[in-house]
C-alpha atoms as a PDB file:
ATOM      1  CA  MET A   1      -4.375-150.925-303.099  1.00  0.00           C
ATOM      2  CA  ARG A   2      -4.922-147.497-301.608  1.00  0.00           C
ATOM      3  CA  ARG A   3      -3.385-144.522-303.316  1.00  0.00           C
ATOM      4  CA  LEU A   4      -0.091-143.302-301.935  1.00  0.00           C
ATOM      5  CA  GLY A   5      -1.239-139.729-302.507  1.00  0.00           C
ATOM      6  CA  ALA A   6      -4.048-140.227-299.990  1.00  0.00           C
ATOM      7  CA  ARG A   7      -1.627-141.680-297.478  1.00  0.00           C
ATOM      8  CA  LEU A   8       0.768-138.792-297.881  1.00  0.00           C
ATOM      9  CA  LEU A   9      -1.864-136.107-297.462  1.00  0.00           C
ATOM     10  CA  LEU A  10      -3.459-137.671-294.403  1.00  0.00           C
ATOM     11  CA  ALA A  11      -0.171-138.575-292.767  1.00  0.00           C
ATOM     12  CA  GLY A  12       1.144-135.116-293.354  1.00  0.00           C
ATOM     13  CA  LEU A  13      -2.010-133.659-291.911  1.00  0.00           C
ATOM     14  CA  LEU A  14      -1.589-135.589-288.676  1.00  0.00           C
ATOM     15  CA  ALA A  15       2.091-135.849-288.422  1.00  0.00           C
ATOM     16  CA  SER A  16       3.390-132.659-287.063  1.00  0.00           C
ATOM     17  CA  LEU A  17       3.664-129.702-289.382  1.00  0.00           C
ATOM     18  CA  ALA A  18       5.987-127.610-291.340  1.00  0.00           C
ATOM     19  CA  ALA A  19       7.826-124.593-292.905  1.00  0.00           C
ATOM     20  CA  CYS A  20      11.137-122.994-293.842  1.00  0.00           C
ATOM     21  CA  VAL A  21      13.106-121.458-291.036  1.00  0.00           C
ATOM     22  CA  THR A  22      16.213-119.562-290.019  1.00  0.00           C
ATOM     23  CA  PRO A  23      18.597-121.339-287.612  1.00  0.00           C
ATOM     24  CA  PRO A  24      17.411-121.274-283.972  1.00  0.00           C
ATOM     25  CA  ALA A  25      19.087-118.782-281.658  1.00  0.00           C
ATOM     26  CA  ARG A  26      19.180-120.477-278.253  1.00  0.00           C
ATOM     27  CA  ARG A  27      18.163-123.898-276.999  1.00  0.00           C
ATOM     28  CA  SER A  28      16.314-125.010-273.876  1.00  0.00           C
ATOM     29  CA  THR A  29      15.373-128.397-272.453  1.00  0.00           C
ATOM     30  CA  SER A  30      11.995-129.117-270.882  1.00  0.00           C
ATOM     31  CA  SER A  31      13.394-128.216-267.479  1.00  0.00           C
ATOM     32  CA  ALA A  32      14.789-124.853-268.615  1.00  0.00           C
ATOM     33  CA  ILE A  33      12.061-123.256-270.725  1.00  0.00           C
ATOM     34  CA  PRO A  34      12.049-119.427-270.537  1.00  0.00           C
ATOM     35  CA  ALA A  35       9.324-117.855-268.446  1.00  0.00           C
ATOM     36  CA  ALA A  36       7.836-116.132-271.518  1.00  0.00           C
ATOM     37  CA  GLN A  37       7.310-119.480-273.252  1.00  0.00           C
ATOM     38  CA  SER A  38       5.820-121.030-270.119  1.00  0.00           C
ATOM     39  CA  GLU A  39       3.315-118.169-269.978  1.00  0.00           C
ATOM     40  CA  ARG A  40       2.603-118.508-273.704  1.00  0.00           C
ATOM     41  CA  GLU A  41       1.920-122.213-273.233  1.00  0.00           C
ATOM     42  CA  ARG A  42      -0.359-121.522-270.286  1.00  0.00           C
ATOM     43  CA  ILE A  43      -2.467-119.064-272.287  1.00  0.00           C
ATOM     44  CA  LEU A  44      -2.708-121.165-275.449  1.00  0.00           C
ATOM     45  CA  ALA A  45      -3.405-124.409-273.600  1.00  0.00           C
ATOM     46  CA  ALA A  46      -6.544-122.804-272.197  1.00  0.00           C
ATOM     47  CA  ARG A  47      -7.806-121.960-275.703  1.00  0.00           C
ATOM     48  CA  THR A  48      -9.340-125.227-276.851  1.00  0.00           C
ATOM     49  CA  HIS A  49     -11.595-123.842-279.619  1.00  0.00           C
ATOM     50  CA  TRP A  50      -9.984-122.594-282.833  1.00  0.00           C
ATOM     51  CA  VAL A  51      -9.861-122.894-286.625  1.00  0.00           C
ATOM     52  CA  LEU A  52      -6.930-122.652-289.000  1.00  0.00           C
ATOM     53  CA  GLU A  53      -6.946-122.434-292.786  1.00  0.00           C
ATOM     54  CA  GLY A  54      -3.958-122.950-295.047  1.00  0.00           C
ATOM     55  CA  ARG A  55      -2.074-125.228-297.398  1.00  0.00           C
ATOM     56  CA  LEU A  56      -0.435-128.554-296.688  1.00  0.00           C
ATOM     57  CA  GLY A  57       2.466-130.178-298.535  1.00  0.00           C
ATOM     58  CA  VAL A  58       3.915-133.618-297.730  1.00  0.00           C
ATOM     59  CA  ALA A  59       6.737-135.679-299.203  1.00  0.00           C
ATOM     60  CA  ASN A  60       8.811-138.765-298.549  1.00  0.00           C
ATOM     61  CA  ALA A  61      11.450-140.631-300.532  1.00  0.00           C
ATOM     62  CA  HIS A  62       8.851-141.989-302.971  1.00  0.00           C
ATOM     63  CA  ASP A  63       6.121-139.432-303.530  1.00  0.00           C
ATOM     64  CA  SER A  64       4.720-136.004-302.664  1.00  0.00           C
ATOM     65  CA  GLY A  65       1.397-134.222-302.556  1.00  0.00           C
ATOM     66  CA  SER A  66      -0.268-130.964-301.556  1.00  0.00           C
ATOM     67  CA  GLY A  67      -3.684-129.499-300.921  1.00  0.00           C
ATOM     68  CA  SER A  68      -5.746-126.971-299.028  1.00  0.00           C
ATOM     69  CA  LEU A  69      -6.354-127.589-295.346  1.00  0.00           C
ATOM     70  CA  SER A  70      -9.103-126.623-292.936  1.00  0.00           C
ATOM     71  CA  TRP A  71      -8.694-127.674-289.300  1.00  0.00           C
ATOM     72  CA  GLN A  72     -11.455-127.122-286.747  1.00  0.00           C
ATOM     73  CA  GLN A  73     -10.697-127.855-283.087  1.00  0.00           C
ATOM     74  CA  ASP A  74     -13.527-127.719-280.546  1.00  0.00           C
ATOM     75  CA  GLY A  75     -12.238-129.028-277.247  1.00  0.00           C
ATOM     76  CA  ALA A  76     -11.570-132.740-277.775  1.00  0.00           C
ATOM     77  CA  ASN A  77     -13.510-132.717-281.056  1.00  0.00           C
ATOM     78  CA  TYR A  78     -11.581-132.206-284.286  1.00  0.00           C
ATOM     79  CA  ARG A  79     -12.283-132.066-287.991  1.00  0.00           C
ATOM     80  CA  PHE A  80      -9.533-131.994-290.654  1.00  0.00           C
ATOM     81  CA  THR A  81     -10.490-131.407-294.253  1.00  0.00           C
ATOM     82  CA  VAL A  82      -7.855-131.725-297.001  1.00  0.00           C
ATOM     83  CA  HIS A  83      -8.703-130.994-300.623  1.00  0.00           C
ATOM     84  CA  ALA A  84      -6.242-131.991-303.359  1.00  0.00           C
ATOM     85  CA  PRO A  85      -6.905-129.811-306.427  1.00  0.00           C
ATOM     86  CA  VAL A  86      -4.958-132.079-308.780  1.00  0.00           C
ATOM     87  CA  THR A  87      -7.184-135.097-308.131  1.00  0.00           C
ATOM     88  CA  GLY A  88     -10.285-133.242-307.016  1.00  0.00           C
ATOM     89  CA  ARG A  89     -10.474-135.530-303.974  1.00  0.00           C
ATOM     90  CA  THR A  90     -11.306-134.432-300.431  1.00  0.00           C
ATOM     91  CA  TRP A  91     -10.410-136.354-297.260  1.00  0.00           C
ATOM     92  CA  VAL A  92     -12.029-135.670-293.899  1.00  0.00           C
ATOM     93  CA  LEU A  93     -10.803-136.958-290.546  1.00  0.00           C
ATOM     94  CA  SER A  94     -13.050-136.232-287.582  1.00  0.00           C
ATOM     95  CA  GLY A  95     -13.613-137.457-284.066  1.00  0.00           C
ATOM     96  CA  ASP A  96     -12.894-136.906-280.401  1.00  0.00           C
ATOM     97  CA  ALA A  97     -10.926-138.544-277.596  1.00  0.00           C
ATOM     98  CA  ALA A  98     -12.957-141.767-277.859  1.00  0.00           C
ATOM     99  CA  GLN A  99     -13.390-142.381-281.603  1.00  0.00           C
ATOM    100  CA  ALA A 100     -12.258-141.322-285.073  1.00  0.00           C
ATOM    101  CA  ARG A 101     -13.839-141.378-288.523  1.00  0.00           C
ATOM    102  CA  LEU A 102     -12.127-141.146-291.902  1.00  0.00           C
ATOM    103  CA  ASP A 103     -14.124-140.226-295.006  1.00  0.00           C
ATOM    104  CA  GLY A 104     -13.136-139.772-298.643  1.00  0.00           C
ATOM    105  CA  LEU A 105     -11.035-142.873-299.315  1.00  0.00           C
ATOM    106  CA  ARG A 106     -11.939-145.395-301.989  1.00  0.00           C
ATOM    107  CA  ASP A 107     -13.157-147.845-299.335  1.00  0.00           C
ATOM    108  CA  GLY A 108     -15.755-145.419-297.981  1.00  0.00           C
ATOM    109  CA  THR A 109     -16.108-144.412-294.348  1.00  0.00           C
ATOM    110  CA  LEU A 110     -13.621-145.928-291.911  1.00  0.00           C
ATOM    111  CA  GLN A 111     -13.851-145.833-288.123  1.00  0.00           C
ATOM    112  CA  GLY A 112     -11.439-146.544-285.295  1.00  0.00           C
ATOM    113  CA  ARG A 113     -10.746-146.136-281.602  1.00  0.00           C
ATOM    114  CA  ASP A 114      -8.848-142.907-282.167  1.00  0.00           C
ATOM    115  CA  ALA A 115      -7.132-141.020-284.983  1.00  0.00           C
ATOM    116  CA  ALA A 116      -3.700-142.549-284.442  1.00  0.00           C
ATOM    117  CA  ASP A 117      -5.119-146.078-284.266  1.00  0.00           C
ATOM    118  CA  LEU A 118      -7.290-145.547-287.341  1.00  0.00           C
ATOM    119  CA  LEU A 119      -4.495-144.144-289.502  1.00  0.00           C
ATOM    120  CA  GLN A 120      -2.064-146.852-288.458  1.00  0.00           C
ATOM    121  CA  ARG A 121      -4.591-149.618-289.127  1.00  0.00           C
ATOM    122  CA  GLU A 122      -5.975-148.346-292.422  1.00  0.00           C
ATOM    123  CA  LEU A 123      -3.040-146.458-293.941  1.00  0.00           C
ATOM    124  CA  GLY A 124      -0.017-147.903-292.167  1.00  0.00           C
ATOM    125  CA  TRP A 125       1.041-144.588-290.645  1.00  0.00           C
ATOM    126  CA  GLN A 126       2.192-144.131-287.052  1.00  0.00           C
ATOM    127  CA  VAL A 127       1.096-140.575-286.301  1.00  0.00           C
ATOM    128  CA  PRO A 128       1.582-138.842-282.911  1.00  0.00           C
ATOM    129  CA  PHE A 129      -1.933-137.427-282.992  1.00  0.00           C
ATOM    130  CA  ALA A 130      -2.060-136.397-279.337  1.00  0.00           C
ATOM    131  CA  GLN A 131       0.968-134.149-279.894  1.00  0.00           C
ATOM    132  CA  LEU A 132      -0.367-132.447-283.006  1.00  0.00           C
ATOM    133  CA  VAL A 133      -2.617-129.949-281.257  1.00  0.00           C
ATOM    134  CA  ALA A 134       0.388-128.667-279.322  1.00  0.00           C
ATOM    135  CA  TRP A 135       2.970-128.681-282.111  1.00  0.00           C
ATOM    136  CA  VAL A 136       0.882-126.744-284.636  1.00  0.00           C
ATOM    137  CA  ARG A 137       0.731-123.877-282.134  1.00  0.00           C
ATOM    138  CA  ALA A 138       4.454-124.106-281.311  1.00  0.00           C
ATOM    139  CA  LEU A 139       3.846-125.706-277.925  1.00  0.00           C
ATOM    140  CA  ARG A 140       5.485-128.709-276.332  1.00  0.00           C
ATOM    141  CA  ALA A 141       3.442-131.874-276.169  1.00  0.00           C
ATOM    142  CA  PRO A 142       3.630-133.841-272.896  1.00  0.00           C
ATOM    143  CA  GLY A 143       7.002-135.475-272.373  1.00  0.00           C
ATOM    144  CA  PRO A 144      10.671-134.500-272.769  1.00  0.00           C
ATOM    145  CA  ALA A 145      11.446-131.915-275.433  1.00  0.00           C
ATOM    146  CA  GLN A 146      14.149-129.514-276.534  1.00  0.00           C
ATOM    147  CA  MET A 147      13.313-126.056-277.822  1.00  0.00           C
ATOM    148  CA  ALA A 148      15.176-123.240-279.539  1.00  0.00           C
ATOM    149  CA  PHE A 149      14.031-119.632-279.768  1.00  0.00           C
ATOM    150  CA  ASP A 150      14.407-116.775-282.226  1.00  0.00           C
ATOM    151  CA  ALA A 151      15.506-113.234-281.471  1.00  0.00           C
ATOM    152  CA  GLN A 152      11.947-112.293-280.420  1.00  0.00           C
ATOM    153  CA  GLY A 153      11.825-115.142-277.914  1.00  0.00           C
ATOM    154  CA  LEU A 154       9.339-117.161-279.981  1.00  0.00           C
ATOM    155  CA  PRO A 155       9.857-120.887-280.626  1.00  0.00           C
ATOM    156  CA  ALA A 156      12.069-121.502-283.646  1.00  0.00           C
ATOM    157  CA  GLN A 157      12.346-125.281-283.187  1.00  0.00           C
ATOM    158  CA  ILE A 158      10.979-128.151-281.123  1.00  0.00           C
ATOM    159  CA  GLU A 159      12.621-131.584-280.968  1.00  0.00           C
ATOM    160  CA  GLN A 160      10.364-134.274-279.531  1.00  0.00           C
ATOM    161  CA  ASP A 161       9.830-138.006-280.012  1.00  0.00           C
ATOM    162  CA  GLY A 162      12.131-138.169-283.039  1.00  0.00           C
ATOM    163  CA  TRP A 163      10.498-135.229-284.825  1.00  0.00           C
ATOM    164  CA  THR A 164      12.094-131.875-285.511  1.00  0.00           C
ATOM    165  CA  ILE A 165       9.543-129.114-285.943  1.00  0.00           C
ATOM    166  CA  ARG A 166      10.759-125.730-287.192  1.00  0.00           C
ATOM    167  CA  TYR A 167       8.813-122.486-287.290  1.00  0.00           C
ATOM    168  CA  GLY A 168       9.593-119.933-289.974  1.00  0.00           C
ATOM    169  CA  ASP A 169       7.115-117.125-289.440  1.00  0.00           C
ATOM    170  CA  TYR A 170       4.488-115.963-286.949  1.00  0.00           C
ATOM    171  CA  ASP A 171       1.184-114.146-287.146  1.00  0.00           C
ATOM    172  CA  MET A 172       1.991-111.203-284.907  1.00  0.00           C
ATOM    173  CA  THR A 173      -1.626-110.008-284.931  1.00  0.00           C
ATOM    174  CA  GLN A 174      -2.476-112.921-282.650  1.00  0.00           C
ATOM    175  CA  SER A 175      -1.850-112.706-278.910  1.00  0.00           C
ATOM    176  CA  PRO A 176       0.244-114.669-278.219  1.00  0.00           C
ATOM    177  CA  PRO A 177       1.664-114.929-281.776  1.00  0.00           C
ATOM    178  CA  LEU A 178       0.850-118.168-283.630  1.00  0.00           C
ATOM    179  CA  PRO A 179       2.861-119.923-286.363  1.00  0.00           C
ATOM    180  CA  ARG A 180       2.216-119.168-290.009  1.00  0.00           C
ATOM    181  CA  ARG A 181       4.840-121.509-291.474  1.00  0.00           C
ATOM    182  CA  VAL A 182       5.837-124.850-290.000  1.00  0.00           C
ATOM    183  CA  PHE A 183       8.235-127.518-291.214  1.00  0.00           C
ATOM    184  CA  ALA A 184       8.369-130.971-289.626  1.00  0.00           C
ATOM    185  CA  SER A 185      10.771-133.778-290.437  1.00  0.00           C
ATOM    186  CA  ARG A 186      11.532-137.278-289.228  1.00  0.00           C
ATOM    187  CA  GLY A 187      13.893-139.326-291.325  1.00  0.00           C
ATOM    188  CA  GLU A 188      12.771-138.991-294.945  1.00  0.00           C
ATOM    189  CA  GLU A 189       9.306-137.729-294.018  1.00  0.00           C
ATOM    190  CA  ARG A 190       8.698-134.034-294.703  1.00  0.00           C
ATOM    191  CA  VAL A 191       5.626-131.935-293.973  1.00  0.00           C
ATOM    192  CA  ARG A 192       5.115-128.261-294.829  1.00  0.00           C
ATOM    193  CA  LEU A 193       2.228-126.151-293.630  1.00  0.00           C
ATOM    194  CA  ALA A 194       1.507-122.571-294.675  1.00  0.00           C
ATOM    195  CA  ILE A 195      -1.221-121.179-292.412  1.00  0.00           C
ATOM    196  CA  ARG A 196      -3.276-118.454-294.025  1.00  0.00           C
ATOM    197  CA  SER A 197      -5.426-117.601-291.017  1.00  0.00           C
ATOM    198  CA  TRP A 198      -6.057-118.420-287.370  1.00  0.00           C
ATOM    199  CA  GLN A 199      -9.505-117.953-285.842  1.00  0.00           C
ATOM    200  CA  PRO A 200      -9.441-118.241-282.036  1.00  0.00           C
END
């Protein structure tokens, strides 16, 4: 039986991300997004190569876990590395649009058609992987969404596909600003991400 701690860390990593937040100021549907956010999305969508470093915490009704996170995105290619200091274990998920590879579990290297398919098959998690690249940068993924904005006009919350993603802080040295704290929830699932650095 695979360890629940491994499931929690990997699911949290791919399941839309997290942090503490103040209540959103104003709400918009997909058809009424402010022009500033549309421009922000246009700029960030064109930046397909980046790295973030930080800490990840995940919890559900039965267990919790945390670890350091390194995420490298290079176009369609991705590499997530999560290190849990308590256990000393490291999990790595890598791949592209056509395949995914999971290393660091007790069963050795696992491969699948894509990240979502691999995690569902091997760990039992249904993860909206295609949306993750957008959500971590406070962007809408394709499809209907509702957004709320803070006093500076930056996204404070996104509601999409049953997930609520809240943003508690931004790195204002980035242009456009990028999230530093993210909190995602769906039912009893909770994910918290504290981003230490963004490297465009």
